N, C-alpha and C. Protein backbone atom coordinates (compact mmCIF):
# COMPACT_ATOMS: atom_id res chain seq x y z
N UNK A 1 85.27 135.15 113.84
CA UNK A 1 85.54 136.15 114.94
C UNK A 1 84.77 137.26 114.58
N UNK A 2 84.39 138.24 115.45
CA UNK A 2 83.68 139.46 115.04
C UNK A 2 84.33 140.63 115.80
N UNK A 3 84.05 141.59 115.30
CA UNK A 3 84.46 142.86 115.65
C UNK A 3 83.65 144.05 115.81
N UNK A 4 83.78 145.14 116.98
CA UNK A 4 82.92 146.05 116.90
C UNK A 4 83.49 147.26 116.24
N UNK A 5 82.37 147.88 115.25
CA UNK A 5 82.94 149.11 114.52
C UNK A 5 82.55 150.45 115.21
N UNK A 6 82.59 151.51 114.68
CA UNK A 6 82.30 152.99 115.62
C UNK A 6 80.78 153.07 115.67
N UNK A 7 80.15 152.54 115.25
CA UNK A 7 78.80 152.44 115.70
C UNK A 7 78.25 151.25 116.60
N UNK A 8 79.12 150.82 117.17
CA UNK A 8 79.08 149.62 118.20
C UNK A 8 78.03 148.37 117.60
N UNK A 9 78.36 148.18 116.33
CA UNK A 9 77.56 147.19 115.59
C UNK A 9 78.57 146.12 115.22
N UNK A 10 78.26 144.95 115.88
CA UNK A 10 79.30 143.67 115.84
C UNK A 10 79.12 143.19 114.14
N UNK A 11 80.52 143.04 113.45
CA UNK A 11 80.32 142.80 112.07
C UNK A 11 81.32 141.58 112.10
N UNK A 12 81.28 141.04 110.82
CA UNK A 12 82.45 139.71 110.55
C UNK A 12 83.82 140.33 110.40
N UNK A 13 84.86 139.61 110.90
CA UNK A 13 86.33 139.86 110.55
C UNK A 13 86.35 140.09 109.41
N UNK A 14 87.55 140.82 109.09
CA UNK A 14 88.22 141.08 107.75
C UNK A 14 88.35 139.94 106.82
N UNK A 15 88.64 138.84 107.94
CA UNK A 15 89.02 137.72 107.08
C UNK A 15 87.60 136.89 106.52
N UNK A 16 86.73 136.99 107.11
CA UNK A 16 85.56 136.54 107.10
C UNK A 16 84.81 137.26 105.89
N UNK A 17 84.68 138.44 105.95
CA UNK A 17 84.53 139.26 105.14
C UNK A 17 84.87 138.96 103.77
N UNK A 18 86.32 138.90 103.74
CA UNK A 18 86.62 138.35 102.33
C UNK A 18 86.29 137.10 102.04
N UNK A 19 85.80 136.18 102.77
CA UNK A 19 85.42 134.69 102.29
C UNK A 19 83.80 135.22 101.75
N UNK A 20 83.03 135.82 102.65
CA UNK A 20 81.74 135.81 102.45
C UNK A 20 81.21 137.45 102.33
N UNK A 21 81.82 138.37 101.34
CA UNK A 21 81.74 139.74 101.17
C UNK A 21 80.29 140.28 101.45
N UNK A 22 79.29 139.53 101.31
CA UNK A 22 77.76 139.95 101.23
C UNK A 22 77.27 139.85 102.70
N UNK A 23 78.05 139.40 103.64
CA UNK A 23 77.41 139.13 104.79
C UNK A 23 77.99 140.05 105.82
N UNK A 24 77.09 140.77 106.90
CA UNK A 24 77.74 141.25 107.93
C UNK A 24 76.70 140.92 108.98
N UNK A 25 77.13 140.18 110.05
CA UNK A 25 76.13 139.58 111.08
C UNK A 25 76.02 140.67 112.28
N UNK A 26 75.01 141.01 112.80
CA UNK A 26 74.57 141.92 113.72
C UNK A 26 74.29 141.31 115.01
N UNK A 27 75.08 141.56 116.05
CA UNK A 27 74.65 140.62 117.17
C UNK A 27 74.19 141.50 118.43
N UNK A 28 73.42 140.90 119.37
CA UNK A 28 72.42 141.79 120.27
C UNK A 28 73.76 142.13 121.45
N UNK A 29 73.11 143.13 122.04
CA UNK A 29 74.00 143.64 123.38
C UNK A 29 73.67 142.43 124.51
N UNK A 30 74.53 142.33 125.23
CA UNK A 30 74.22 141.91 126.72
C UNK A 30 73.32 142.34 127.62
N UNK A 31 72.37 141.70 127.83
CA UNK A 31 71.17 142.15 128.87
C UNK A 31 71.05 141.52 129.95
N UNK A 32 71.07 141.93 131.25
CA UNK A 32 70.97 141.34 132.41
C UNK A 32 69.43 141.78 133.14
N UNK A 33 68.51 140.89 132.65
CA UNK A 33 67.11 141.32 133.09
C UNK A 33 67.05 141.28 134.54
N UNK A 34 67.61 140.23 134.97
CA UNK A 34 67.38 140.40 136.64
C UNK A 34 67.87 141.50 137.08
N UNK A 35 68.94 142.14 136.82
CA UNK A 35 69.33 143.32 137.38
C UNK A 35 68.61 144.45 137.11
N UNK A 36 68.20 144.57 135.75
CA UNK A 36 67.13 145.54 135.44
C UNK A 36 66.02 145.84 136.15
N UNK A 37 65.38 144.43 136.48
CA UNK A 37 64.27 144.22 137.30
C UNK A 37 64.39 144.92 138.62
N UNK A 38 65.50 144.73 139.22
CA UNK A 38 65.87 145.24 140.64
C UNK A 38 66.10 146.62 140.78
N UNK A 39 66.69 147.09 139.44
CA UNK A 39 66.79 148.72 139.32
C UNK A 39 65.32 149.45 139.20
N UNK A 40 64.50 148.45 138.35
CA UNK A 40 62.97 149.15 138.21
C UNK A 40 62.41 149.24 139.33
N UNK A 41 62.66 148.16 140.18
CA UNK A 41 62.09 148.28 141.51
C UNK A 41 62.20 149.37 142.51
N UNK A 42 63.79 149.55 142.36
CA UNK A 42 64.34 150.65 143.22
C UNK A 42 63.73 152.12 142.61
N UNK A 43 63.60 151.98 141.31
CA UNK A 43 63.08 153.42 140.56
C UNK A 43 61.62 153.56 140.88
N UNK A 44 60.95 152.74 141.02
CA UNK A 44 59.12 152.90 141.22
C UNK A 44 59.30 153.31 142.56
N UNK A 45 59.90 152.43 143.61
CA UNK A 45 59.79 152.74 145.07
C UNK A 45 60.11 154.21 145.32
N UNK A 46 61.35 154.52 144.61
CA UNK A 46 61.82 156.02 144.77
C UNK A 46 60.66 156.98 144.40
N UNK A 47 60.09 156.86 143.68
CA UNK A 47 58.58 157.45 143.12
C UNK A 47 57.63 157.42 143.88
N UNK A 48 57.66 156.56 144.80
CA UNK A 48 56.59 156.52 145.79
C UNK A 48 55.44 155.52 145.66
N UNK A 49 55.81 154.55 144.66
CA UNK A 49 54.93 153.56 144.58
C UNK A 49 54.67 152.54 145.37
N UNK A 50 53.66 152.20 145.75
CA UNK A 50 53.48 150.84 146.58
C UNK A 50 53.74 149.62 145.71
N UNK A 51 54.96 148.70 145.81
CA UNK A 51 55.11 147.61 144.95
C UNK A 51 54.41 146.57 145.84
N UNK A 52 53.94 146.67 147.12
CA UNK A 52 53.16 145.49 147.61
C UNK A 52 51.69 145.28 146.98
N UNK A 53 51.29 146.54 146.44
CA UNK A 53 50.00 146.48 145.83
C UNK A 53 50.10 145.24 144.92
N UNK A 54 48.99 144.50 144.80
CA UNK A 54 49.10 143.47 143.44
C UNK A 54 48.89 143.84 142.20
N UNK A 55 48.55 144.91 142.06
CA UNK A 55 48.14 145.76 140.74
C UNK A 55 49.27 145.94 139.77
N UNK A 56 50.42 146.22 140.81
CA UNK A 56 51.63 146.90 140.22
C UNK A 56 53.05 145.99 140.77
N UNK A 57 52.96 144.93 141.33
CA UNK A 57 53.72 143.94 141.91
C UNK A 57 54.76 143.69 140.81
N UNK A 58 53.99 143.11 139.78
CA UNK A 58 55.18 142.66 138.83
C UNK A 58 55.32 143.57 137.62
N UNK A 59 55.20 144.79 138.00
CA UNK A 59 55.45 146.03 136.92
C UNK A 59 57.03 145.94 136.77
N UNK A 60 57.85 145.74 137.77
CA UNK A 60 59.25 146.18 137.56
C UNK A 60 59.76 144.92 136.53
N UNK A 61 59.27 143.78 136.44
CA UNK A 61 59.69 142.95 135.50
C UNK A 61 59.20 143.09 134.40
N UNK A 62 57.97 143.66 134.05
CA UNK A 62 57.31 143.94 132.84
C UNK A 62 58.23 145.28 132.22
N UNK A 63 58.75 146.03 133.07
CA UNK A 63 59.16 147.49 132.68
C UNK A 63 60.69 146.89 132.00
N UNK A 64 61.29 145.89 132.87
CA UNK A 64 62.74 145.58 132.25
C UNK A 64 62.53 144.93 131.00
N UNK A 65 61.63 143.96 130.81
CA UNK A 65 61.37 143.20 129.87
C UNK A 65 60.87 144.38 128.48
N UNK A 66 60.11 145.22 128.77
CA UNK A 66 59.89 146.15 127.62
C UNK A 66 61.00 146.84 127.21
N UNK A 67 61.81 147.37 128.26
CA UNK A 67 62.93 148.39 127.62
C UNK A 67 64.06 147.45 126.89
N UNK A 68 64.15 146.08 127.34
CA UNK A 68 64.75 145.29 126.61
C UNK A 68 64.46 145.25 125.15
N UNK A 69 63.13 145.11 125.22
CA UNK A 69 62.90 144.98 123.49
C UNK A 69 62.65 146.29 122.81
N UNK A 70 62.60 147.19 123.40
CA UNK A 70 62.98 148.68 123.13
C UNK A 70 64.23 148.93 122.36
N UNK A 71 65.22 148.24 123.15
CA UNK A 71 66.70 148.48 122.88
C UNK A 71 67.50 147.56 122.65
N UNK A 72 66.82 146.57 121.94
CA UNK A 72 67.40 145.28 121.43
C UNK A 72 67.06 144.77 120.24
N UNK A 73 67.98 145.44 118.87
CA UNK A 73 67.78 145.06 117.67
C UNK A 73 67.69 143.47 117.33
N UNK A 74 66.85 143.06 116.40
CA UNK A 74 66.75 141.53 116.15
C UNK A 74 68.09 141.27 115.38
N UNK A 75 68.77 139.94 115.52
CA UNK A 75 70.11 139.70 114.66
C UNK A 75 69.61 139.74 113.16
N UNK A 76 70.45 140.17 112.51
CA UNK A 76 70.12 139.79 110.88
C UNK A 76 71.40 139.93 110.20
N UNK A 77 71.33 139.50 108.94
CA UNK A 77 72.43 139.43 107.95
C UNK A 77 72.28 140.46 106.65
N UNK A 78 73.16 141.19 106.60
CA UNK A 78 72.94 142.05 105.47
C UNK A 78 73.47 141.54 104.12
N UNK A 79 72.01 141.17 103.19
CA UNK A 79 72.46 140.48 102.12
C UNK A 79 72.49 141.14 101.08
N UNK A 80 73.62 141.14 100.41
CA UNK A 80 73.74 141.97 99.11
C UNK A 80 73.96 140.97 97.74
N UNK A 81 73.78 141.42 96.68
CA UNK A 81 73.96 140.73 95.33
C UNK A 81 74.61 141.62 94.19
N UNK A 82 75.31 141.08 93.59
CA UNK A 82 76.16 141.82 92.43
C UNK A 82 74.75 142.49 91.64
N UNK A 83 75.17 143.79 91.24
CA UNK A 83 74.34 144.37 90.44
C UNK A 83 74.77 144.11 89.01
N UNK A 84 74.47 142.70 88.73
CA UNK A 84 74.89 142.33 87.15
C UNK A 84 74.11 143.14 86.18
N UNK A 85 73.23 143.50 86.28
CA UNK A 85 72.43 144.22 85.23
C UNK A 85 72.57 145.93 84.89
N UNK A 86 73.63 146.14 85.99
CA UNK A 86 74.13 147.69 86.05
C UNK A 86 72.83 148.43 86.28
N UNK A 87 72.01 148.31 87.26
CA UNK A 87 70.89 149.01 87.58
C UNK A 87 71.27 150.18 87.86
N UNK A 88 70.76 151.39 87.61
CA UNK A 88 71.32 152.88 87.84
C UNK A 88 70.05 153.52 88.40
N UNK A 89 68.89 153.20 88.73
CA UNK A 89 68.09 153.92 89.43
C UNK A 89 67.82 154.07 90.71
N UNK A 90 67.12 154.77 91.28
CA UNK A 90 66.78 155.00 92.98
C UNK A 90 65.93 153.70 93.22
N UNK A 91 66.70 153.18 94.41
CA UNK A 91 65.80 151.94 94.96
C UNK A 91 65.57 152.64 96.45
N UNK A 92 64.09 152.82 96.74
CA UNK A 92 63.56 153.73 97.79
C UNK A 92 62.52 152.49 98.68
N UNK A 93 62.71 152.66 99.86
CA UNK A 93 61.62 151.93 100.83
C UNK A 93 61.20 152.88 101.70
N UNK A 94 59.65 153.25 101.40
CA UNK A 94 59.34 154.56 102.32
C UNK A 94 58.39 153.97 103.17
N UNK A 95 57.84 154.67 104.31
CA UNK A 95 56.84 154.40 105.45
C UNK A 95 57.42 153.42 106.30
N UNK A 96 58.78 153.12 106.52
CA UNK A 96 59.19 152.13 107.22
C UNK A 96 59.03 152.63 108.99
N UNK A 97 58.00 152.00 109.52
CA UNK A 97 57.85 152.35 110.97
C UNK A 97 59.07 151.99 112.02
N UNK A 98 58.89 152.62 112.87
CA UNK A 98 60.05 152.46 113.95
C UNK A 98 59.65 152.99 115.18
N UNK A 99 60.39 152.33 116.28
CA UNK A 99 60.25 153.20 117.49
C UNK A 99 61.85 152.94 118.05
N UNK A 100 61.92 154.08 118.88
CA UNK A 100 63.23 154.41 119.26
C UNK A 100 62.99 155.11 120.90
N UNK A 101 63.95 155.19 121.49
CA UNK A 101 64.00 155.99 122.79
C UNK A 101 64.83 157.10 122.85
N UNK A 102 64.05 158.24 123.56
CA UNK A 102 64.96 159.44 123.54
C UNK A 102 66.26 159.24 124.68
N UNK A 103 67.37 159.48 124.57
CA UNK A 103 68.29 159.43 125.40
C UNK A 103 68.19 160.37 126.51
N UNK A 104 67.49 161.33 126.39
CA UNK A 104 67.50 162.41 127.36
C UNK A 104 66.59 162.28 128.32
N UNK A 105 65.35 161.73 128.26
CA UNK A 105 64.20 161.13 128.81
C UNK A 105 63.86 159.86 128.94
N UNK A 106 64.30 159.06 128.30
CA UNK A 106 64.09 157.56 128.31
C UNK A 106 62.62 157.51 127.91
N UNK A 107 62.27 158.15 127.00
CA UNK A 107 60.64 158.33 126.65
C UNK A 107 60.85 157.98 125.04
N UNK A 108 59.59 156.86 124.76
CA UNK A 108 59.73 156.67 123.31
C UNK A 108 59.54 157.88 122.16
N UNK A 109 60.18 157.48 120.98
CA UNK A 109 59.54 158.66 119.88
C UNK A 109 59.24 157.32 118.70
N UNK A 110 58.42 157.64 118.07
CA UNK A 110 57.92 156.65 116.87
C UNK A 110 57.86 157.68 115.58
N UNK A 111 57.93 156.80 114.60
CA UNK A 111 57.89 157.88 113.42
C UNK A 111 58.02 156.79 112.29
N UNK A 112 58.09 157.26 111.07
CA UNK A 112 58.57 156.50 109.85
C UNK A 112 59.64 157.03 109.14
N UNK A 113 60.46 156.14 108.24
CA UNK A 113 61.65 156.46 107.65
C UNK A 113 61.55 156.25 106.31
N UNK A 114 62.16 157.00 105.16
CA UNK A 114 62.36 156.71 103.97
C UNK A 114 63.81 156.60 103.62
N UNK A 115 64.11 155.43 103.13
CA UNK A 115 65.50 155.00 102.92
C UNK A 115 65.85 154.40 101.48
N UNK A 116 66.67 155.22 100.74
CA UNK A 116 67.00 155.18 99.61
C UNK A 116 68.48 155.01 99.15
N UNK A 117 68.76 154.52 98.09
CA UNK A 117 70.17 154.62 97.47
C UNK A 117 70.27 154.21 95.88
N UNK A 118 71.25 154.76 95.40
CA UNK A 118 71.61 154.59 94.00
C UNK A 118 72.63 153.52 93.65
N UNK A 119 72.32 152.46 93.12
CA UNK A 119 73.41 151.43 93.47
C UNK A 119 74.49 151.60 92.74
N UNK A 120 75.61 150.94 93.07
CA UNK A 120 76.75 150.95 92.50
C UNK A 120 76.87 149.46 92.16
N UNK A 121 78.20 148.91 92.67
CA UNK A 121 78.58 147.40 92.32
C UNK A 121 77.53 146.28 92.94
N UNK A 122 76.58 146.63 93.98
CA UNK A 122 75.80 145.69 94.43
C UNK A 122 74.37 146.11 94.86
N UNK A 123 73.50 145.54 94.93
CA UNK A 123 72.37 145.99 95.32
C UNK A 123 71.86 144.93 96.74
N UNK A 124 70.89 145.59 97.13
CA UNK A 124 70.60 145.36 98.76
C UNK A 124 69.37 144.52 98.70
N UNK A 125 69.20 143.33 99.60
CA UNK A 125 67.68 142.68 99.75
C UNK A 125 66.99 143.78 100.58
N UNK A 126 65.66 143.97 99.83
CA UNK A 126 64.93 145.10 100.26
C UNK A 126 64.37 145.13 101.62
N UNK A 127 64.25 144.06 102.36
CA UNK A 127 63.83 143.94 103.49
C UNK A 127 64.96 144.46 104.78
N UNK A 128 66.30 144.25 104.09
CA UNK A 128 67.17 145.04 104.79
C UNK A 128 67.35 146.34 105.22
N UNK A 129 66.78 147.34 104.28
CA UNK A 129 66.46 148.82 104.36
C UNK A 129 65.78 149.08 105.79
N UNK A 130 64.67 148.16 105.83
CA UNK A 130 64.19 148.29 107.14
C UNK A 130 64.70 148.06 108.43
N UNK A 131 65.43 146.74 108.13
CA UNK A 131 66.32 145.88 109.43
C UNK A 131 67.29 147.11 109.75
N UNK A 132 68.11 147.73 109.04
CA UNK A 132 69.18 148.90 109.35
C UNK A 132 68.49 149.99 110.16
N UNK A 133 67.32 150.36 109.90
CA UNK A 133 66.51 151.33 110.41
C UNK A 133 66.36 151.01 111.89
N UNK A 134 65.97 149.70 111.95
CA UNK A 134 65.50 149.08 113.45
C UNK A 134 66.79 148.89 114.08
N UNK A 135 67.97 148.67 113.51
CA UNK A 135 69.48 148.51 114.19
C UNK A 135 69.79 149.55 114.92
N UNK A 136 69.62 150.67 114.44
CA UNK A 136 69.83 152.04 115.00
C UNK A 136 68.87 152.77 115.96
N UNK A 137 67.59 152.19 115.49
CA UNK A 137 66.62 152.89 116.31
C UNK A 137 66.26 152.19 117.60
N UNK A 138 66.56 150.86 117.93
CA UNK A 138 66.42 150.14 119.16
C UNK A 138 67.75 150.41 120.09
N UNK A 139 67.87 151.66 120.54
CA UNK A 139 68.73 151.88 121.34
C UNK A 139 68.48 153.40 121.93
N UNK A 140 69.01 153.90 123.13
CA UNK A 140 68.63 155.41 123.41
C UNK A 140 69.35 156.37 122.00
N UNK A 141 68.69 157.18 121.72
CA UNK A 141 69.06 157.77 120.52
C UNK A 141 68.48 159.15 120.53
N UNK A 142 68.86 160.00 119.75
CA UNK A 142 68.37 161.21 119.18
C UNK A 142 68.20 161.05 117.79
N UNK A 143 66.89 161.78 116.97
CA UNK A 143 66.74 161.61 115.92
C UNK A 143 67.67 161.89 114.88
N UNK A 144 68.68 162.95 115.17
CA UNK A 144 69.36 163.36 114.16
C UNK A 144 70.49 162.48 113.84
N UNK A 145 71.14 161.91 115.12
CA UNK A 145 72.11 160.78 114.92
C UNK A 145 71.76 159.43 114.19
N UNK A 146 70.57 159.04 114.57
CA UNK A 146 69.47 158.10 113.78
C UNK A 146 69.62 157.95 112.43
N UNK A 147 69.38 159.39 111.97
CA UNK A 147 69.35 159.66 110.53
C UNK A 147 70.43 159.26 109.94
N UNK A 148 71.61 160.05 110.30
CA UNK A 148 73.04 159.83 109.88
C UNK A 148 73.66 158.32 110.02
N UNK A 149 73.44 157.62 111.25
CA UNK A 149 73.85 156.39 111.24
C UNK A 149 73.28 155.41 110.23
N UNK A 150 72.05 155.45 110.06
CA UNK A 150 71.46 154.73 108.94
C UNK A 150 72.10 155.08 107.46
N UNK A 151 72.42 156.16 106.93
CA UNK A 151 72.93 156.68 106.01
C UNK A 151 74.27 156.14 105.83
N UNK A 152 75.16 156.54 106.93
CA UNK A 152 76.77 156.34 106.76
C UNK A 152 76.70 154.74 106.67
N UNK A 153 75.93 153.77 107.49
CA UNK A 153 76.11 152.51 107.75
C UNK A 153 75.86 151.87 106.14
N UNK A 154 74.71 152.26 105.69
CA UNK A 154 74.63 151.67 104.33
C UNK A 154 75.65 152.28 103.30
N UNK A 155 76.15 153.53 103.20
CA UNK A 155 77.13 153.95 102.44
C UNK A 155 78.46 152.97 102.59
N UNK A 156 78.86 152.54 103.98
CA UNK A 156 79.86 151.91 104.09
C UNK A 156 79.69 150.61 103.64
N UNK A 157 78.84 149.84 103.97
CA UNK A 157 78.65 148.41 103.81
C UNK A 157 78.28 147.97 102.28
N UNK A 158 77.73 149.23 101.66
CA UNK A 158 76.94 148.79 100.24
C UNK A 158 77.70 149.66 99.31
N UNK A 159 78.64 150.51 99.39
CA UNK A 159 79.26 151.34 98.49
C UNK A 159 78.46 151.83 97.45
N UNK A 160 77.26 152.47 97.80
CA UNK A 160 76.44 152.94 96.52
C UNK A 160 77.09 154.17 95.92
N UNK A 161 76.41 154.63 94.99
CA UNK A 161 76.52 156.17 94.57
C UNK A 161 75.92 157.17 95.29
N UNK A 162 75.19 156.72 95.79
CA UNK A 162 74.53 157.84 96.81
C UNK A 162 73.44 156.93 97.94
N UNK A 163 73.43 157.70 99.01
CA UNK A 163 72.30 157.40 99.82
C UNK A 163 71.48 158.50 100.43
N UNK A 164 70.19 158.20 100.75
CA UNK A 164 69.42 159.35 101.31
C UNK A 164 68.30 158.54 102.42
N UNK A 165 68.11 159.45 103.46
CA UNK A 165 67.21 158.67 104.62
C UNK A 165 66.77 160.17 104.87
N UNK A 166 65.36 159.97 105.17
CA UNK A 166 64.66 160.99 105.68
C UNK A 166 63.65 160.13 107.11
N UNK A 167 63.58 160.94 107.83
CA UNK A 167 63.15 160.22 109.21
C UNK A 167 62.11 161.42 109.57
N UNK A 168 60.55 160.89 109.68
CA UNK A 168 59.71 162.05 110.45
C UNK A 168 59.15 161.29 111.82
N UNK A 169 59.24 161.79 112.82
CA UNK A 169 58.87 161.05 114.08
C UNK A 169 58.02 162.21 114.81
N UNK A 170 57.29 161.37 115.97
CA UNK A 170 56.62 162.30 117.10
C UNK A 170 57.50 161.82 118.33
N UNK A 171 57.64 162.91 119.23
CA UNK A 171 58.57 162.75 120.46
C UNK A 171 57.66 162.87 121.45
N UNK A 172 57.44 161.70 122.37
CA UNK A 172 56.60 161.84 123.57
C UNK A 172 57.26 162.70 124.46
N UNK A 173 58.75 162.93 124.41
CA UNK A 173 59.20 163.72 125.48
C UNK A 173 58.64 165.35 125.08
N UNK A 174 58.04 165.62 123.93
CA UNK A 174 57.82 166.83 123.47
C UNK A 174 56.09 166.99 123.80
N UNK A 175 55.49 165.86 123.53
CA UNK A 175 54.03 165.75 123.48
C UNK A 175 53.39 165.48 124.80
N UNK A 176 54.30 164.63 125.66
CA UNK A 176 53.57 164.55 127.07
C UNK A 176 54.12 165.04 128.22
N UNK A 177 55.19 165.82 127.90
CA UNK A 177 55.75 166.61 128.84
C UNK A 177 56.34 168.09 128.38
N UNK A 178 56.71 168.81 129.24
CA UNK A 178 57.48 170.05 128.88
C UNK A 178 56.45 171.16 128.12
N UNK A 179 56.78 171.23 126.90
CA UNK A 179 56.15 172.00 125.90
C UNK A 179 54.54 171.49 125.65
N UNK A 180 54.40 170.20 125.69
CA UNK A 180 53.17 169.45 125.52
C UNK A 180 52.74 169.89 124.10
N UNK A 181 53.65 169.57 123.11
CA UNK A 181 53.24 170.19 121.84
C UNK A 181 52.56 168.80 120.83
N UNK A 182 51.30 168.55 121.26
CA UNK A 182 50.57 167.72 120.74
C UNK A 182 50.53 167.70 119.15
N UNK A 183 51.06 166.54 118.50
CA UNK A 183 50.61 166.51 117.06
C UNK A 183 52.06 166.89 116.41
N UNK A 184 52.86 167.57 117.03
CA UNK A 184 54.02 167.94 116.30
C UNK A 184 54.92 166.96 115.98
N UNK A 185 55.63 167.02 114.78
CA UNK A 185 56.60 166.04 114.27
C UNK A 185 57.76 166.61 113.92
N UNK A 186 59.06 165.85 113.85
CA UNK A 186 60.22 166.24 113.65
C UNK A 186 60.82 165.62 112.37
N UNK A 187 61.40 166.25 111.32
CA UNK A 187 61.79 165.55 110.14
C UNK A 187 63.39 166.08 109.90
N UNK A 188 63.99 165.01 109.95
CA UNK A 188 65.48 165.01 109.66
C UNK A 188 66.06 164.24 108.29
N UNK A 189 66.94 164.48 107.80
CA UNK A 189 67.51 163.94 106.58
C UNK A 189 68.88 163.87 106.63
N UNK A 190 69.56 163.10 105.93
CA UNK A 190 70.81 162.65 105.62
C UNK A 190 71.04 162.27 104.11
N UNK A 191 71.78 162.99 103.51
CA UNK A 191 72.23 162.66 102.12
C UNK A 191 73.73 162.73 101.68
N UNK A 192 74.15 161.45 101.11
CA UNK A 192 75.31 161.34 100.89
C UNK A 192 75.54 161.11 99.25
N UNK A 193 76.76 161.12 98.80
CA UNK A 193 77.16 160.93 97.64
C UNK A 193 76.51 161.84 96.54
N UNK A 194 75.92 161.26 95.39
CA UNK A 194 75.27 162.23 94.59
C UNK A 194 73.96 162.47 95.03
N UNK A 195 73.18 161.85 95.91
CA UNK A 195 71.93 162.52 96.26
C UNK A 195 72.28 163.81 96.96
N UNK A 196 73.79 164.07 97.49
CA UNK A 196 73.89 165.15 98.28
C UNK A 196 74.35 166.60 97.02
N UNK A 197 75.31 165.66 96.14
CA UNK A 197 75.90 166.84 95.34
C UNK A 197 75.20 167.16 94.07
N UNK A 198 74.40 166.43 93.65
CA UNK A 198 73.71 166.64 92.34
C UNK A 198 72.31 167.11 92.56
N UNK A 199 71.93 168.20 92.08
CA UNK A 199 70.55 168.85 92.50
C UNK A 199 69.23 168.02 92.04
N UNK A 200 69.64 167.57 90.97
CA UNK A 200 68.17 166.70 90.38
C UNK A 200 68.12 165.41 91.00
N UNK A 201 69.47 164.82 91.30
CA UNK A 201 69.30 163.44 91.94
C UNK A 201 68.73 163.72 93.48
N UNK A 202 68.94 164.67 94.11
CA UNK A 202 68.39 165.16 95.24
C UNK A 202 67.02 165.34 95.13
N UNK A 203 66.61 166.02 94.32
CA UNK A 203 65.16 166.30 94.01
C UNK A 203 64.44 165.21 93.60
N UNK A 204 64.87 164.21 92.71
CA UNK A 204 64.25 163.04 92.71
C UNK A 204 63.99 162.07 93.94
N UNK A 205 64.98 161.92 94.75
CA UNK A 205 65.07 161.10 95.95
C UNK A 205 63.83 161.73 96.84
N UNK A 206 63.85 162.74 97.24
CA UNK A 206 63.11 163.47 97.98
C UNK A 206 61.50 163.50 97.60
N UNK A 207 61.48 163.79 96.14
CA UNK A 207 60.18 163.65 95.67
C UNK A 207 59.24 162.39 95.67
N UNK A 208 60.37 161.21 95.42
CA UNK A 208 60.04 159.71 95.51
C UNK A 208 59.90 159.32 96.92
N UNK A 209 60.51 159.98 97.92
CA UNK A 209 60.27 159.68 99.22
C UNK A 209 59.15 160.46 99.93
N UNK A 210 58.55 161.20 99.25
CA UNK A 210 57.21 162.02 99.60
C UNK A 210 57.54 163.27 100.19
N UNK A 211 58.54 163.73 100.11
CA UNK A 211 59.19 165.27 100.49
C UNK A 211 59.32 166.03 99.49
N UNK A 212 58.50 166.60 98.99
CA UNK A 212 58.80 167.71 97.90
C UNK A 212 59.58 168.91 98.09
N UNK A 213 60.69 169.23 97.51
CA UNK A 213 61.61 170.26 97.89
C UNK A 213 61.50 171.42 96.83
């Protein structure tokens, strides 16, 4: 049995979690590709494109599949392990690439994330730090929310002493339209636990993440 949490992420029921506390299974949203293709066809037609033109006749289907890919995270299991050796130093993955979609204009924004935590009773499979970034990136987003969702999700599921997330991204809604601020990057951060409350721990995380404070 699965349940939805506040971040619209499907996890195991409390009963299943008690049996396998290291597993949180993430599911895909339901997607109706045929309906999406019809909507894309209407959208392009409304913009004046000639869909009888052989060069773009298949574009609605490609659009539907492309947006499905951009907004569908891959299934994964959050694998954790007992911190038997009481490791108490920062664990950080840097330069995690991601692509998301701006919820205001439905244009992509791309960037990199640095995600770290100070272990408590459990440690995390390293690839899962990138998986969690993808989980929240592959949906209509704003960068600020993406940053805090990654941090809060890790804090909830891992119960570490602290969590830090820094995201740097370029938004095509800024570079391709409007102000056309080519090359501009936006940096956001979310710090929880001792990485927020302790200045030395916060400074160590930001330095290791590549953002000297």
